[in-house]
C-alpha atoms as a PDB file:
ATOM      1  CA  MET A   1      18.125 -46.934  27.151  1.00  0.00           C
ATOM      2  CA  LYS A   2      19.420 -44.893  24.186  1.00  0.00           C
ATOM      3  CA  THR A   3      21.760 -47.760  23.239  1.00  0.00           C
ATOM      4  CA  LEU A   4      18.879 -50.233  23.313  1.00  0.00           C
ATOM      5  CA  PHE A   5      16.729 -47.893  21.206  1.00  0.00           C
ATOM      6  CA  SER A   6      19.532 -47.499  18.651  1.00  0.00           C
ATOM      7  CA  PHE A   7      19.988 -51.288  18.485  1.00  0.00           C
ATOM      8  CA  ILE A   8      16.270 -51.859  17.885  1.00  0.00           C
ATOM      9  CA  LEU A   9      16.190 -49.087  15.285  1.00  0.00           C
ATOM     10  CA  THR A  10      19.256 -50.520  13.541  1.00  0.00           C
ATOM     11  CA  PHE A  11      17.801 -54.045  13.544  1.00  0.00           C
ATOM     12  CA  TYR A  12      14.491 -53.055  12.028  1.00  0.00           C
ATOM     13  CA  SER A  13      16.117 -50.609   9.633  1.00  0.00           C
ATOM     14  CA  PHE A  14      18.355 -53.390   8.300  1.00  0.00           C
ATOM     15  CA  ILE A  15      15.417 -55.734   7.757  1.00  0.00           C
ATOM     16  CA  GLY A  16      13.353 -53.040   6.067  1.00  0.00           C
ATOM     17  CA  PHE A  17      16.292 -51.851   4.019  1.00  0.00           C
ATOM     18  CA  SER A  18      16.898 -55.345   2.637  1.00  0.00           C
ATOM     19  CA  GLN A  19      13.232 -55.742   1.792  1.00  0.00           C
ATOM     20  CA  THR A  20      13.052 -52.426  -0.049  1.00  0.00           C
ATOM     21  CA  SER A  21      16.113 -53.356  -2.122  1.00  0.00           C
ATOM     22  CA  GLN A  22      14.218 -56.416  -3.316  1.00  0.00           C
ATOM     23  CA  GLU A  23      11.149 -54.264  -3.943  1.00  0.00           C
ATOM     24  CA  ILE A  24      13.163 -51.903  -6.152  1.00  0.00           C
ATOM     25  CA  VAL A  25      14.522 -54.897  -8.083  1.00  0.00           C
ATOM     26  CA  ASN A  26      11.000 -56.294  -8.533  1.00  0.00           C
ATOM     27  CA  ILE A  27       9.339 -53.069  -9.651  1.00  0.00           C
ATOM     28  CA  SER A  28      12.217 -52.215 -12.013  1.00  0.00           C
ATOM     29  CA  ASN A  29      11.869 -55.604 -13.712  1.00  0.00           C
ATOM     30  CA  GLU A  30       8.110 -55.085 -13.944  1.00  0.00           C
ATOM     31  CA  PHE A  31       8.781 -51.753 -15.632  1.00  0.00           C
ATOM     32  CA  LEU A  32      11.121 -53.426 -18.138  1.00  0.00           C
ATOM     33  CA  LEU A  33       8.360 -55.920 -19.019  1.00  0.00           C
ATOM     34  CA  THR A  34       6.215 -53.026 -20.282  1.00  0.00           C
ATOM     35  CA  LEU A  35       8.850 -52.051 -22.863  1.00  0.00           C
ATOM     36  CA  SER A  36       9.347 -53.281 -26.402  1.00  0.00           C
ATOM     37  CA  GLU A  37      12.665 -54.840 -27.360  1.00  0.00           C
ATOM     38  CA  ASP A  38      13.742 -51.605 -29.067  1.00  0.00           C
ATOM     39  CA  GLU A  39      12.806 -49.584 -25.993  1.00  0.00           C
ATOM     40  CA  LYS A  40      14.781 -51.941 -23.763  1.00  0.00           C
ATOM     41  CA  LYS A  41      17.836 -51.341 -25.938  1.00  0.00           C
ATOM     42  CA  GLU A  42      17.496 -47.615 -25.206  1.00  0.00           C
ATOM     43  CA  VAL A  43      16.923 -48.063 -21.465  1.00  0.00           C
ATOM     44  CA  LEU A  44      19.417 -50.823 -20.643  1.00  0.00           C
ATOM     45  CA  ARG A  45      23.056 -49.764 -20.539  1.00  0.00           C
ATOM     46  CA  ASP A  46      26.375 -51.350 -19.597  1.00  0.00           C
ATOM     47  CA  PHE A  47      27.017 -50.859 -15.882  1.00  0.00           C
ATOM     48  CA  ASN A  48      30.687 -50.082 -16.603  1.00  0.00           C
ATOM     49  CA  ASP A  49      29.860 -47.353 -19.138  1.00  0.00           C
ATOM     50  CA  SER A  50      31.469 -44.082 -17.982  1.00  0.00           C
ATOM     51  CA  LEU A  51      28.194 -42.237 -18.684  1.00  0.00           C
ATOM     52  CA  ARG A  52      26.716 -43.906 -15.604  1.00  0.00           C
ATOM     53  CA  THR A  53      28.778 -41.655 -13.324  1.00  0.00           C
ATOM     54  CA  LYS A  54      28.107 -38.426 -15.199  1.00  0.00           C
ATOM     55  CA  TRP A  55      25.182 -36.160 -14.401  1.00  0.00           C
ATOM     56  CA  THR A  56      23.788 -32.770 -15.301  1.00  0.00           C
ATOM     57  CA  ASN A  57      20.828 -30.598 -14.373  1.00  0.00           C
ATOM     58  CA  LEU A  58      20.777 -28.647 -17.646  1.00  0.00           C
ATOM     59  CA  PRO A  59      17.736 -28.638 -19.962  1.00  0.00           C
ATOM     60  CA  ILE A  60      17.645 -31.320 -22.639  1.00  0.00           C
ATOM     61  CA  GLY A  61      18.265 -28.644 -25.275  1.00  0.00           C
ATOM     62  CA  LEU A  62      21.698 -28.046 -23.748  1.00  0.00           C
ATOM     63  CA  ALA A  63      22.621 -31.559 -22.632  1.00  0.00           C
ATOM     64  CA  LYS A  64      21.346 -34.783 -24.157  1.00  0.00           C
ATOM     65  CA  ARG A  65      20.727 -37.745 -21.845  1.00  0.00           C
ATOM     66  CA  PRO A  66      21.207 -41.483 -22.239  1.00  0.00           C
ATOM     67  CA  GLY A  67      18.169 -43.727 -21.966  1.00  0.00           C
ATOM     68  CA  LYS A  68      14.520 -43.547 -22.977  1.00  0.00           C
ATOM     69  CA  LYS A  69      12.479 -40.364 -22.901  1.00  0.00           C
ATOM     70  CA  PHE A  70       9.646 -40.603 -20.399  1.00  0.00           C
ATOM     71  CA  GLY A  71       7.239 -38.850 -22.769  1.00  0.00           C
ATOM     72  CA  ASP A  72       7.730 -41.523 -25.453  1.00  0.00           C
ATOM     73  CA  LEU A  73       6.644 -44.387 -23.206  1.00  0.00           C
ATOM     74  CA  SER A  74       3.268 -46.115 -23.445  1.00  0.00           C
ATOM     75  CA  ASP A  75       0.702 -45.297 -20.757  1.00  0.00           C
ATOM     76  CA  GLU A  76       1.293 -48.740 -19.255  1.00  0.00           C
ATOM     77  CA  ALA A  77       5.040 -48.099 -19.006  1.00  0.00           C
ATOM     78  CA  LYS A  78       4.501 -44.596 -17.563  1.00  0.00           C
ATOM     79  CA  ILE A  79       2.221 -45.981 -14.851  1.00  0.00           C
ATOM     80  CA  LYS A  80       4.770 -48.657 -13.991  1.00  0.00           C
ATOM     81  CA  PHE A  81       7.632 -46.143 -13.868  1.00  0.00           C
ATOM     82  CA  HIS A  82       5.616 -43.999 -11.480  1.00  0.00           C
ATOM     83  CA  GLU A  83       5.488 -47.129  -9.317  1.00  0.00           C
ATOM     84  CA  VAL A  84       9.291 -47.257  -9.497  1.00  0.00           C
ATOM     85  CA  LEU A  85       9.402 -43.679  -8.198  1.00  0.00           C
ATOM     86  CA  THR A  86       6.891 -44.326  -5.407  1.00  0.00           C
ATOM     87  CA  THR A  87       8.937 -47.367  -4.336  1.00  0.00           C
ATOM     88  CA  ILE A  88      12.133 -45.312  -4.154  1.00  0.00           C
ATOM     89  CA  PHE A  89      10.669 -42.174  -2.599  1.00  0.00           C
ATOM     90  CA  SER A  90       8.448 -41.100   0.245  1.00  0.00           C
ATOM     91  CA  SER A  91       5.311 -39.199  -0.782  1.00  0.00           C
ATOM     92  CA  GLN A  92       7.332 -36.018  -0.145  1.00  0.00           C
ATOM     93  CA  GLY A  93      10.133 -37.085  -2.480  1.00  0.00           C
ATOM     94  CA  TYR A  94       7.754 -38.399  -5.123  1.00  0.00           C
ATOM     95  CA  LEU A  95       5.743 -35.170  -5.210  1.00  0.00           C
ATOM     96  CA  LYS A  96       8.903 -33.046  -5.376  1.00  0.00           C
ATOM     97  CA  THR A  97      10.204 -35.125  -8.284  1.00  0.00           C
ATOM     98  CA  THR A  98       6.998 -34.969 -10.302  1.00  0.00           C
ATOM     99  CA  SER A  99       6.433 -31.300  -9.425  1.00  0.00           C
ATOM    100  CA  ILE A 100       9.908 -30.398 -10.719  1.00  0.00           C
ATOM    101  CA  MET A 101       8.934 -32.095 -13.972  1.00  0.00           C
ATOM    102  CA  GLN A 102       5.710 -30.076 -14.085  1.00  0.00           C
ATOM    103  CA  LEU A 103       7.639 -26.861 -13.435  1.00  0.00           C
ATOM    104  CA  ASP A 104       9.031 -27.107 -16.960  1.00  0.00           C
ATOM    105  CA  ASP A 105       5.517 -26.825 -18.397  1.00  0.00           C
ATOM    106  CA  MET A 106       4.804 -23.921 -16.027  1.00  0.00           C
ATOM    107  CA  LEU A 107       8.036 -22.284 -17.171  1.00  0.00           C
ATOM    108  CA  ASN A 108       6.845 -22.598 -20.763  1.00  0.00           C
ATOM    109  CA  ALA A 109       3.530 -20.996 -19.792  1.00  0.00           C
ATOM    110  CA  ARG A 110       5.415 -18.036 -18.316  1.00  0.00           C
ATOM    111  CA  VAL A 111       7.515 -17.737 -21.470  1.00  0.00           C
ATOM    112  CA  ASP A 112       4.372 -17.790 -23.646  1.00  0.00           C
ATOM    113  CA  GLU A 113       2.820 -15.114 -21.425  1.00  0.00           C
ATOM    114  CA  ALA A 114       5.954 -12.974 -21.756  1.00  0.00           C
ATOM    115  CA  ILE A 115       5.960 -13.415 -25.552  1.00  0.00           C
ATOM    116  CA  GLU A 116       2.319 -12.308 -25.755  1.00  0.00           C
ATOM    117  CA  LYS A 117       3.170  -9.183 -23.760  1.00  0.00           C
ATOM    118  CA  ASN A 118       6.223  -8.504 -25.955  1.00  0.00           C
ATOM    119  CA  LEU A 119       8.545  -8.817 -22.954  1.00  0.00           C
ATOM    120  CA  ILE A 120      11.002 -11.039 -24.843  1.00  0.00           C
ATOM    121  CA  LYS A 121      12.952  -9.871 -27.870  1.00  0.00           C
ATOM    122  CA  LYS A 122      11.928 -11.753 -31.015  1.00  0.00           C
ATOM    123  CA  GLU A 123      15.506 -12.814 -31.755  1.00  0.00           C
ATOM    124  CA  ASN A 124      15.718 -14.504 -28.314  1.00  0.00           C
ATOM    125  CA  ILE A 125      12.537 -16.572 -28.650  1.00  0.00           C
ATOM    126  CA  PRO A 126      14.080 -19.390 -30.778  1.00  0.00           C
ATOM    127  CA  LYS A 127      16.979 -19.715 -28.298  1.00  0.00           C
ATOM    128  CA  ILE A 128      14.598 -20.041 -25.358  1.00  0.00           C
ATOM    129  CA  LYS A 129      12.371 -22.553 -27.169  1.00  0.00           C
ATOM    130  CA  ALA A 130      15.464 -24.586 -28.107  1.00  0.00           C
ATOM    131  CA  LEU A 131      16.096 -25.282 -24.401  1.00  0.00           C
ATOM    132  CA  ASP A 132      13.243 -27.780 -24.770  1.00  0.00           C
ATOM    133  CA  TRP A 133      11.668 -27.451 -21.320  1.00  0.00           C
ATOM    134  CA  ASP A 134       8.902 -30.046 -21.047  1.00  0.00           C
ATOM    135  CA  TYR A 135       7.360 -32.453 -18.524  1.00  0.00           C
ATOM    136  CA  ASN A 136       8.032 -35.270 -21.001  1.00  0.00           C
ATOM    137  CA  ASN A 137      11.742 -34.507 -21.454  1.00  0.00           C
ATOM    138  CA  TYR A 138      13.134 -36.634 -18.614  1.00  0.00           C
ATOM    139  CA  PHE A 139      15.148 -39.742 -19.386  1.00  0.00           C
ATOM    140  CA  ILE A 140      15.227 -43.195 -17.790  1.00  0.00           C
ATOM    141  CA  SER A 141      18.264 -45.465 -17.946  1.00  0.00           C
ATOM    142  CA  ILE A 142      19.067 -48.727 -16.150  1.00  0.00           C
ATOM    143  CA  TRP A 143      22.718 -49.751 -15.966  1.00  0.00           C
ATOM    144  CA  GLY A 144      23.111 -53.505 -15.667  1.00  0.00           C
ATOM    145  CA  ASN A 145      20.227 -55.835 -14.863  1.00  0.00           C
ATOM    146  CA  PRO A 146      18.020 -55.363 -11.777  1.00  0.00           C
ATOM    147  CA  ASN A 147      18.909 -58.142  -9.332  1.00  0.00           C
ATOM    148  CA  LEU A 148      20.434 -58.712  -5.896  1.00  0.00           C
ATOM    149  CA  GLN A 149      23.532 -60.594  -7.085  1.00  0.00           C
ATOM    150  CA  ILE A 150      25.603 -58.063  -9.034  1.00  0.00           C
ATOM    151  CA  PRO A 151      25.731 -54.240  -9.044  1.00  0.00           C
ATOM    152  CA  TRP A 152      23.242 -52.256 -11.119  1.00  0.00           C
ATOM    153  CA  SER A 153      21.818 -48.743 -11.098  1.00  0.00           C
ATOM    154  CA  ILE A 154      18.953 -46.470 -12.148  1.00  0.00           C
ATOM    155  CA  LYS A 155      19.281 -42.916 -13.452  1.00  0.00           C
ATOM    156  CA  PHE A 156      16.317 -40.562 -13.964  1.00  0.00           C
ATOM    157  CA  GLU A 157      17.372 -37.184 -15.213  1.00  0.00           C
ATOM    158  CA  GLY A 158      16.331 -33.986 -16.925  1.00  0.00           C
ATOM    159  CA  HIS A 159      16.091 -30.265 -16.272  1.00  0.00           C
ATOM    160  CA  HIS A 160      16.668 -29.577 -12.543  1.00  0.00           C
ATOM    161  CA  LEU A 161      16.534 -33.254 -11.655  1.00  0.00           C
ATOM    162  CA  SER A 162      19.193 -35.942 -11.327  1.00  0.00           C
ATOM    163  CA  ILE A 163      18.320 -39.120  -9.440  1.00  0.00           C
ATOM    164  CA  ASN A 164      21.036 -41.777  -9.215  1.00  0.00           C
ATOM    165  CA  LEU A 165      20.606 -45.102  -7.417  1.00  0.00           C
ATOM    166  CA  THR A 166      23.299 -47.760  -7.228  1.00  0.00           C
ATOM    167  CA  ILE A 167      22.211 -51.105  -5.792  1.00  0.00           C
ATOM    168  CA  ILE A 168      24.566 -53.826  -4.624  1.00  0.00           C
ATOM    169  CA  LYS A 169      22.736 -56.679  -2.940  1.00  0.00           C
ATOM    170  CA  GLU A 170      20.896 -55.141   0.044  1.00  0.00           C
ATOM    171  CA  LYS A 171      22.958 -51.924  -0.035  1.00  0.00           C
ATOM    172  CA  ILE A 172      21.854 -48.801  -1.890  1.00  0.00           C
ATOM    173  CA  SER A 173      23.541 -45.499  -2.669  1.00  0.00           C
ATOM    174  CA  PHE A 174      21.129 -42.683  -3.557  1.00  0.00           C
ATOM    175  CA  THR A 175      23.579 -39.958  -4.407  1.00  0.00           C
ATOM    176  CA  PRO A 176      24.254 -37.617  -6.010  1.00  0.00           C
ATOM    177  CA  MET A 177      20.626 -36.481  -5.721  1.00  0.00           C
ATOM    178  CA  PHE A 178      20.052 -33.087  -7.311  1.00  0.00           C
ATOM    179  CA  VAL A 179      16.772 -31.163  -7.194  1.00  0.00           C
ATOM    180  CA  GLY A 180      16.195 -27.633  -8.435  1.00  0.00           C
ATOM    181  CA  ALA A 181      13.388 -25.192  -9.104  1.00  0.00           C
ATOM    182  CA  ASP A 182      13.025 -22.350 -11.587  1.00  0.00           C
ATOM    183  CA  PRO A 183      11.175 -20.320 -10.620  1.00  0.00           C
ATOM    184  CA  ALA A 184      11.444 -21.067  -6.917  1.00  0.00           C
ATOM    185  CA  LEU A 185       8.224 -19.083  -6.504  1.00  0.00           C
ATOM    186  CA  ILE A 186       5.962 -18.735  -9.535  1.00  0.00           C
ATOM    187  CA  PRO A 187       5.165 -15.004  -9.830  1.00  0.00           C
ATOM    188  CA  SER A 188       2.444 -15.155 -12.482  1.00  0.00           C
ATOM    189  CA  THR A 189       0.050 -17.385 -14.502  1.00  0.00           C
ATOM    190  CA  LYS A 190      -2.608 -19.525 -12.809  1.00  0.00           C
ATOM    191  CA  HIS A 191       0.124 -21.235 -10.736  1.00  0.00           C
ATOM    192  CA  VAL A 192       1.192 -17.981  -9.063  1.00  0.00           C
ATOM    193  CA  GLY A 193       2.581 -18.536  -5.553  1.00  0.00           C
ATOM    194  CA  LEU A 194       3.560 -22.194  -6.045  1.00  0.00           C
ATOM    195  CA  ARG A 195       6.857 -23.183  -4.366  1.00  0.00           C
ATOM    196  CA  VAL A 196       8.081 -26.709  -5.112  1.00  0.00           C
ATOM    197  CA  LEU A 197      11.185 -26.529  -2.877  1.00  0.00           C
ATOM    198  CA  SER A 198       9.740 -24.427  -0.068  1.00  0.00           C
ATOM    199  CA  LYS A 199      11.156 -25.908   3.136  1.00  0.00           C
ATOM    200  CA  GLU A 200      14.707 -26.129   1.785  1.00  0.00           C
ATOM    201  CA  GLU A 201      14.531 -22.344   1.729  1.00  0.00           C
ATOM    202  CA  ASP A 202      12.334 -21.762   4.802  1.00  0.00           C
ATOM    203  CA  TYR A 203      14.265 -23.923   7.257  1.00  0.00           C
ATOM    204  CA  GLY A 204      17.581 -22.481   6.079  1.00  0.00           C
ATOM    205  CA  ILE A 205      16.318 -18.918   6.599  1.00  0.00           C
ATOM    206  CA  LYS A 206      14.847 -19.912   9.964  1.00  0.00           C
ATOM    207  CA  LEU A 207      18.140 -21.425  11.123  1.00  0.00           C
ATOM    208  CA  ILE A 208      20.413 -18.522  10.171  1.00  0.00           C
ATOM    209  CA  ASN A 209      17.980 -16.045  11.776  1.00  0.00           C
ATOM    210  CA  SER A 210      17.866 -18.076  14.991  1.00  0.00           C
ATOM    211  CA  PHE A 211      21.575 -17.373  15.485  1.00  0.00           C
ATOM    212  CA  ASP A 212      22.725 -14.497  17.639  1.00  0.00           C
ATOM    213  CA  GLU A 213      25.146 -11.960  16.188  1.00  0.00           C
ATOM    214  CA  SER A 214      28.268 -13.850  17.219  1.00  0.00           C
ATOM    215  CA  GLN A 215      26.948 -17.128  15.799  1.00  0.00           C
ATOM    216  CA  GLN A 216      25.994 -15.450  12.516  1.00  0.00           C
ATOM    217  CA  LYS A 217      29.488 -13.999  12.277  1.00  0.00           C
ATOM    218  CA  ILE A 218      31.018 -17.476  12.575  1.00  0.00           C
ATOM    219  CA  ALA A 219      28.518 -19.116  10.205  1.00  0.00           C
ATOM    220  CA  THR A 220      28.540 -16.473   7.467  1.00  0.00           C
ATOM    221  CA  LEU A 221      31.326 -16.565   4.889  1.00  0.00           C
ATOM    222  CA  SER A 222      32.490 -13.252   3.440  1.00  0.00           C
ATOM    223  CA  GLN A 223      32.161 -13.940  -0.258  1.00  0.00           C
ATOM    224  CA  GLU A 224      29.635 -13.503  -3.048  1.00  0.00           C
ATOM    225  CA  VAL A 225      26.775 -15.953  -3.410  1.00  0.00           C
ATOM    226  CA  PRO A 226      27.866 -18.657  -5.886  1.00  0.00           C
ATOM    227  CA  LYS A 227      26.005 -18.735  -9.175  1.00  0.00           C
ATOM    228  CA  ASP A 228      25.544 -22.481  -8.687  1.00  0.00           C
ATOM    229  CA  ILE A 229      26.256 -25.174  -6.124  1.00  0.00           C
ATOM    230  CA  ILE A 230      30.020 -25.509  -5.749  1.00  0.00           C
ATOM    231  CA  THR A 231      30.041 -29.233  -6.610  1.00  0.00           C
ATOM    232  CA  ASN A 232      28.110 -28.737  -9.853  1.00  0.00           C
ATOM    233  CA  PRO A 233      28.666 -31.171 -12.763  1.00  0.00           C
ATOM    234  CA  SER A 234      31.087 -28.894 -14.603  1.00  0.00           C
ATOM    235  CA  ASN A 235      33.236 -28.388 -11.505  1.00  0.00           C
ATOM    236  CA  ASN A 236      35.599 -31.129 -10.348  1.00  0.00           C
ATOM    237  CA  GLN A 237      36.061 -29.394  -7.007  1.00  0.00           C
ATOM    238  CA  ARG A 238      35.292 -31.471  -3.936  1.00  0.00           C
ATOM    239  CA  ILE A 239      34.531 -29.736  -0.680  1.00  0.00           C
ATOM    240  CA  THR A 240      37.011 -31.034   1.875  1.00  0.00           C
ATOM    241  CA  GLU A 241      37.352 -28.024   4.179  1.00  0.00           C
ATOM    242  CA  TYR A 242      34.907 -27.522   7.029  1.00  0.00           C
ATOM    243  CA  GLN A 243      33.684 -23.928   7.219  1.00  0.00           C
ATOM    244  CA  GLY A 244      31.096 -22.048   9.233  1.00  0.00           C
ATOM    245  CA  ILE A 245      29.732 -22.864  12.657  1.00  0.00           C
ATOM    246  CA  LYS A 246      29.979 -26.296  14.254  1.00  0.00           C
ATOM    247  CA  ALA A 247      26.747 -27.766  15.585  1.00  0.00           C
ATOM    248  CA  ASN A 248      28.240 -28.168  19.070  1.00  0.00           C
ATOM    249  CA  ALA A 249      28.089 -24.347  19.279  1.00  0.00           C
ATOM    250  CA  LEU A 250      24.322 -24.333  18.695  1.00  0.00           C
ATOM    251  CA  THR A 251      21.543 -24.309  21.260  1.00  0.00           C
ATOM    252  CA  LYS A 252      19.167 -27.247  21.640  1.00  0.00           C
ATOM    253  CA  ASP A 253      16.455 -25.431  19.669  1.00  0.00           C
ATOM    254  CA  GLN A 254      18.894 -24.462  16.912  1.00  0.00           C
ATOM    255  CA  LYS A 255      20.005 -28.072  16.594  1.00  0.00           C
ATOM    256  CA  LYS A 256      16.348 -29.061  16.131  1.00  0.00           C
ATOM    257  CA  ILE A 257      16.034 -26.617  13.222  1.00  0.00           C
ATOM    258  CA  LEU A 258      19.287 -27.923  11.705  1.00  0.00           C
ATOM    259  CA  MET A 259      17.924 -31.465  11.918  1.00  0.00           C
ATOM    260  CA  LEU A 260      14.647 -30.368  10.291  1.00  0.00           C
ATOM    261  CA  LEU A 261      16.679 -28.921   7.429  1.00  0.00           C
ATOM    262  CA  ILE A 262      18.712 -32.125   7.014  1.00  0.00           C
ATOM    263  CA  LYS A 263      15.530 -34.219   7.115  1.00  0.00           C
ATOM    264  CA  GLU A 264      13.993 -32.086   4.377  1.00  0.00           C
ATOM    265  CA  PHE A 265      16.578 -33.594   2.029  1.00  0.00           C
ATOM    266  CA  ILE A 266      16.893 -37.131   3.383  1.00  0.00           C
ATOM    267  CA  ASN A 267      13.189 -37.690   4.042  1.00  0.00           C
ATOM    268  CA  ASN A 268      12.630 -37.537   0.289  1.00  0.00           C
ATOM    269  CA  LEU A 269      13.528 -41.226   0.418  1.00  0.00           C
ATOM    270  CA  GLU A 270      11.096 -43.959   1.380  1.00  0.00           C
ATOM    271  CA  TYR A 271      10.884 -44.311   5.168  1.00  0.00           C
ATOM    272  CA  GLU A 272      13.114 -47.351   5.693  1.00  0.00           C
ATOM    273  CA  LYS A 273      15.876 -45.880   3.561  1.00  0.00           C
ATOM    274  CA  SER A 274      15.738 -42.376   5.039  1.00  0.00           C
ATOM    275  CA  ASN A 275      15.697 -43.907   8.519  1.00  0.00           C
ATOM    276  CA  LYS A 276      18.993 -45.672   7.796  1.00  0.00           C
ATOM    277  CA  TYR A 277      20.728 -42.433   6.802  1.00  0.00           C
ATOM    278  CA  LEU A 278      19.341 -40.496   9.756  1.00  0.00           C
ATOM    279  CA  LEU A 279      20.567 -43.231  12.093  1.00  0.00           C
ATOM    280  CA  GLU A 280      24.058 -42.913  10.595  1.00  0.00           C
ATOM    281  CA  ILE A 281      23.975 -39.162  11.262  1.00  0.00           C
ATOM    282  CA  GLU A 282      22.966 -39.842  14.867  1.00  0.00           C
ATOM    283  CA  GLU A 283      25.805 -42.352  15.273  1.00  0.00           C
ATOM    284  CA  LYS A 284      28.409 -39.993  13.758  1.00  0.00           C
ATOM    285  CA  GLY A 285      27.090 -37.216  15.966  1.00  0.00           C
ATOM    286  CA  LEU A 286      25.097 -34.090  15.130  1.00  0.00           C
ATOM    287  CA  ASP A 287      27.744 -32.040  16.960  1.00  0.00           C
ATOM    288  CA  GLU A 288      30.284 -32.907  14.247  1.00  0.00           C
ATOM    289  CA  ILE A 289      28.255 -31.188  11.503  1.00  0.00           C
ATOM    290  CA  TYR A 290      29.168 -27.721  10.207  1.00  0.00           C
ATOM    291  CA  PHE A 291      26.749 -25.146   8.800  1.00  0.00           C
ATOM    292  CA  ALA A 292      27.934 -22.255   6.613  1.00  0.00           C
ATOM    293  CA  TRP A 293      25.974 -19.437   4.980  1.00  0.00           C
ATOM    294  CA  ILE A 294      26.596 -16.880   2.239  1.00  0.00           C
ATOM    295  CA  GLY A 295      24.395 -13.936   1.290  1.00  0.00           C
ATOM    296  CA  SER A 296      21.101 -12.477   2.449  1.00  0.00           C
ATOM    297  CA  TYR A 297      19.209 -13.674   5.532  1.00  0.00           C
ATOM    298  CA  LYS A 298      15.892 -12.959   3.787  1.00  0.00           C
ATOM    299  CA  LYS A 299      13.646 -15.135   1.623  1.00  0.00           C
ATOM    300  CA  ARG A 300      13.794 -14.813  -2.144  1.00  0.00           C
ATOM    301  CA  GLU A 301      17.095 -12.988  -2.051  1.00  0.00           C
ATOM    302  CA  PRO A 302      20.389 -14.522  -3.206  1.00  0.00           C
ATOM    303  CA  ASN A 303      21.839 -16.889  -0.611  1.00  0.00           C
ATOM    304  CA  TYR A 304      23.688 -20.156  -0.235  1.00  0.00           C
ATOM    305  CA  TYR A 305      24.249 -22.681   2.535  1.00  0.00           C
ATOM    306  CA  ILE A 306      26.203 -25.858   3.029  1.00  0.00           C
ATOM    307  CA  ILE A 307      25.702 -28.553   5.647  1.00  0.00           C
ATOM    308  CA  ASN A 308      28.936 -30.512   5.918  1.00  0.00           C
ATOM    309  CA  GLY A 309      28.936 -33.665   8.032  1.00  0.00           C
ATOM    310  CA  PRO A 310      31.400 -36.523   8.523  1.00  0.00           C
ATOM    311  CA  ASN A 311      29.649 -38.667   5.909  1.00  0.00           C
ATOM    312  CA  PHE A 312      27.487 -36.317   3.812  1.00  0.00           C
ATOM    313  CA  ILE A 313      27.222 -32.879   2.222  1.00  0.00           C
ATOM    314  CA  ILE A 314      24.104 -30.842   1.481  1.00  0.00           C
ATOM    315  CA  GLU A 315      24.419 -27.769  -0.733  1.00  0.00           C
ATOM    316  CA  TYR A 316      21.725 -25.184  -1.488  1.00  0.00           C
ATOM    317  CA  ASP A 317      22.077 -22.201  -3.796  1.00  0.00           C
ATOM    318  CA  ASN A 318      19.373 -19.632  -4.573  1.00  0.00           C
ATOM    319  CA  THR A 319      20.252 -16.872  -7.012  1.00  0.00           C
ATOM    320  CA  GLY A 320      17.067 -15.046  -5.993  1.00  0.00           C
ATOM    321  CA  ASN A 321      14.230 -17.087  -7.466  1.00  0.00           C
ATOM    322  CA  HIS A 322      16.134 -20.046  -8.870  1.00  0.00           C
ATOM    323  CA  ILE A 323      17.153 -22.924  -6.604  1.00  0.00           C
ATOM    324  CA  HIS A 324      19.811 -25.605  -7.057  1.00  0.00           C
ATOM    325  CA  SER A 325      20.369 -28.140  -4.284  1.00  0.00           C
ATOM    326  CA  ILE A 326      22.140 -31.452  -3.821  1.00  0.00           C
ATOM    327  CA  TRP A 327      22.636 -34.170  -1.255  1.00  0.00           C
ATOM    328  CA  ARG A 328      25.775 -36.304  -1.555  1.00  0.00           C
ATOM    329  CA  GLU A 329      27.293 -39.138   0.440  1.00  0.00           C
ATOM    330  CA  LYS A 330      31.006 -38.551   0.900  1.00  0.00           C
ATOM    331  CA  ASP A 331      33.073 -41.033  -1.151  1.00  0.00           C
ATOM    332  CA  ASN A 332      29.913 -42.877  -2.170  1.00  0.00           C
ATOM    333  CA  ASP A 333      28.473 -40.983  -5.151  1.00  0.00           C
ATOM    334  CA  PHE A 334      27.234 -43.535  -7.674  1.00  0.00           C
ATOM    335  CA  GLY A 335      27.936 -46.259  -5.078  1.00  0.00           C
ATOM    336  CA  GLU A 336      31.686 -45.620  -5.214  1.00  0.00           C
ATOM    337  CA  ASP A 337      32.336 -46.874  -1.684  1.00  0.00           C
ATOM    338  CA  LEU A 338      29.870 -49.762  -2.021  1.00  0.00           C
ATOM    339  CA  LEU A 339      31.571 -50.874  -5.230  1.00  0.00           C
ATOM    340  CA  ARG A 340      35.004 -50.672  -3.636  1.00  0.00           C
ATOM    341  CA  THR A 341      33.857 -52.935  -0.798  1.00  0.00           C
ATOM    342  CA  HIS A 342      32.096 -55.264  -3.226  1.00  0.00           C
ATOM    343  CA  HIS A 343      35.215 -55.716  -5.371  1.00  0.00           C
ATOM    344  CA  ILE A 344      37.363 -56.380  -2.301  1.00  0.00           C
ATOM    345  CA  ASN A 345      34.975 -59.110  -1.143  1.00  0.00           C
ATOM    346  CA  HIS A 346      34.253 -60.614  -4.571  1.00  0.00           C
ATOM    347  CA  LYS A 347      37.084 -61.519  -6.906  1.00  0.00           C
ATOM    348  CA  HIS A 348      36.184 -60.857 -10.555  1.00  0.00           C
END
C-alpha cells in the first residue's frame, strides 16, 4: 500500500513539478516585459558569469549585488515581481521573504529610536546608516533567458536573504536558500513581539527538549555556539562529517517533531516543489538523518543546530536575538548536479 501511495505521489509530483517550471518561465518573461531596455541590461546576466554562484547575506552597504534594485522598479514591475515570488513560494515562504525585507525598515526604526534616546554614540551613527538597511535594497538578477530548453537562473538577494533558483528544463534547484532575521524578536517600537522566523526556533527548541538526558548527550556538541552558520559565504568549508544523534535513535513522537522542523524550511516552496523534496527525504529514509545541537536549550539564548541528511543540510544559528539559517541540497547548490547531468546528456 505504501509503495502504491509513493508511486501515485511521485507521478503527480512529476506532473505538477513540470507545470510549475513552465509557470516560472512564463511569469519571469512577463516580469521582463515590464522593464525598459536599460533595466533589462541590469537584470539580465550571462549564465556562465562566476557571480551567479556567489551569494551573501550582508547588508547592501557592505556587499553590493548584481542586478536591478527592487526599489527602483516601476509599480507595474514590482507587482509582476511579486507574482514571480508567489509562483516560486508557498504563502509561508512568500510572507517570510517579504517580512525579512520589511525587517530592515523595522531595524531602522529601532536605530532611530535609539538615536533619539542617545543610546548610540554620535560617531557610530554614520557607520550604522552606511549599512543601508531598507525594504527597497534587494536586487533581482536573471542569468540566461527564461525558457525550458537551456539552463537559466534567478537570484533575489539582499540583507538576510539569498534566493537562488536554477532551472534546467523541468528540473529546478532552489539552493542555497538563506533566510535570516535581526532582530529575531522585535523588543520595542510598534512592532514589538514580532518574530519572522518563529518556528525555525520553536521546533528546534521543542525537539532538543523532547530528548532524554542520554539523547541530549549524544546530540549536543561540546563547543561554543558559532557566530554564524558554518557554511557561510566567506567560509569554503563543507560539512561532510555526520555529528549528533541519528534519527533511528529517536522515538516516533520525536521523529514527528524533526519532520516538522524540516518542513518548516522546505514548505517555504510552492506545494508541488516542496512535495518533491519531501518525497526524496522519505525515499532516502528519515532514519538516515542526523541532528546536532550546540548551546542553550532555551529560547532567545545562543544556540545552533544542524540537520544533516543524505541529500540535504539545514543549518540554524541564533546568537541570541539574531538568526541565520540555510537549506542546501548536497552537491546541487546553484544546480551544480543538474548542470553536470545536463552537460553529460547534451554535447555543447
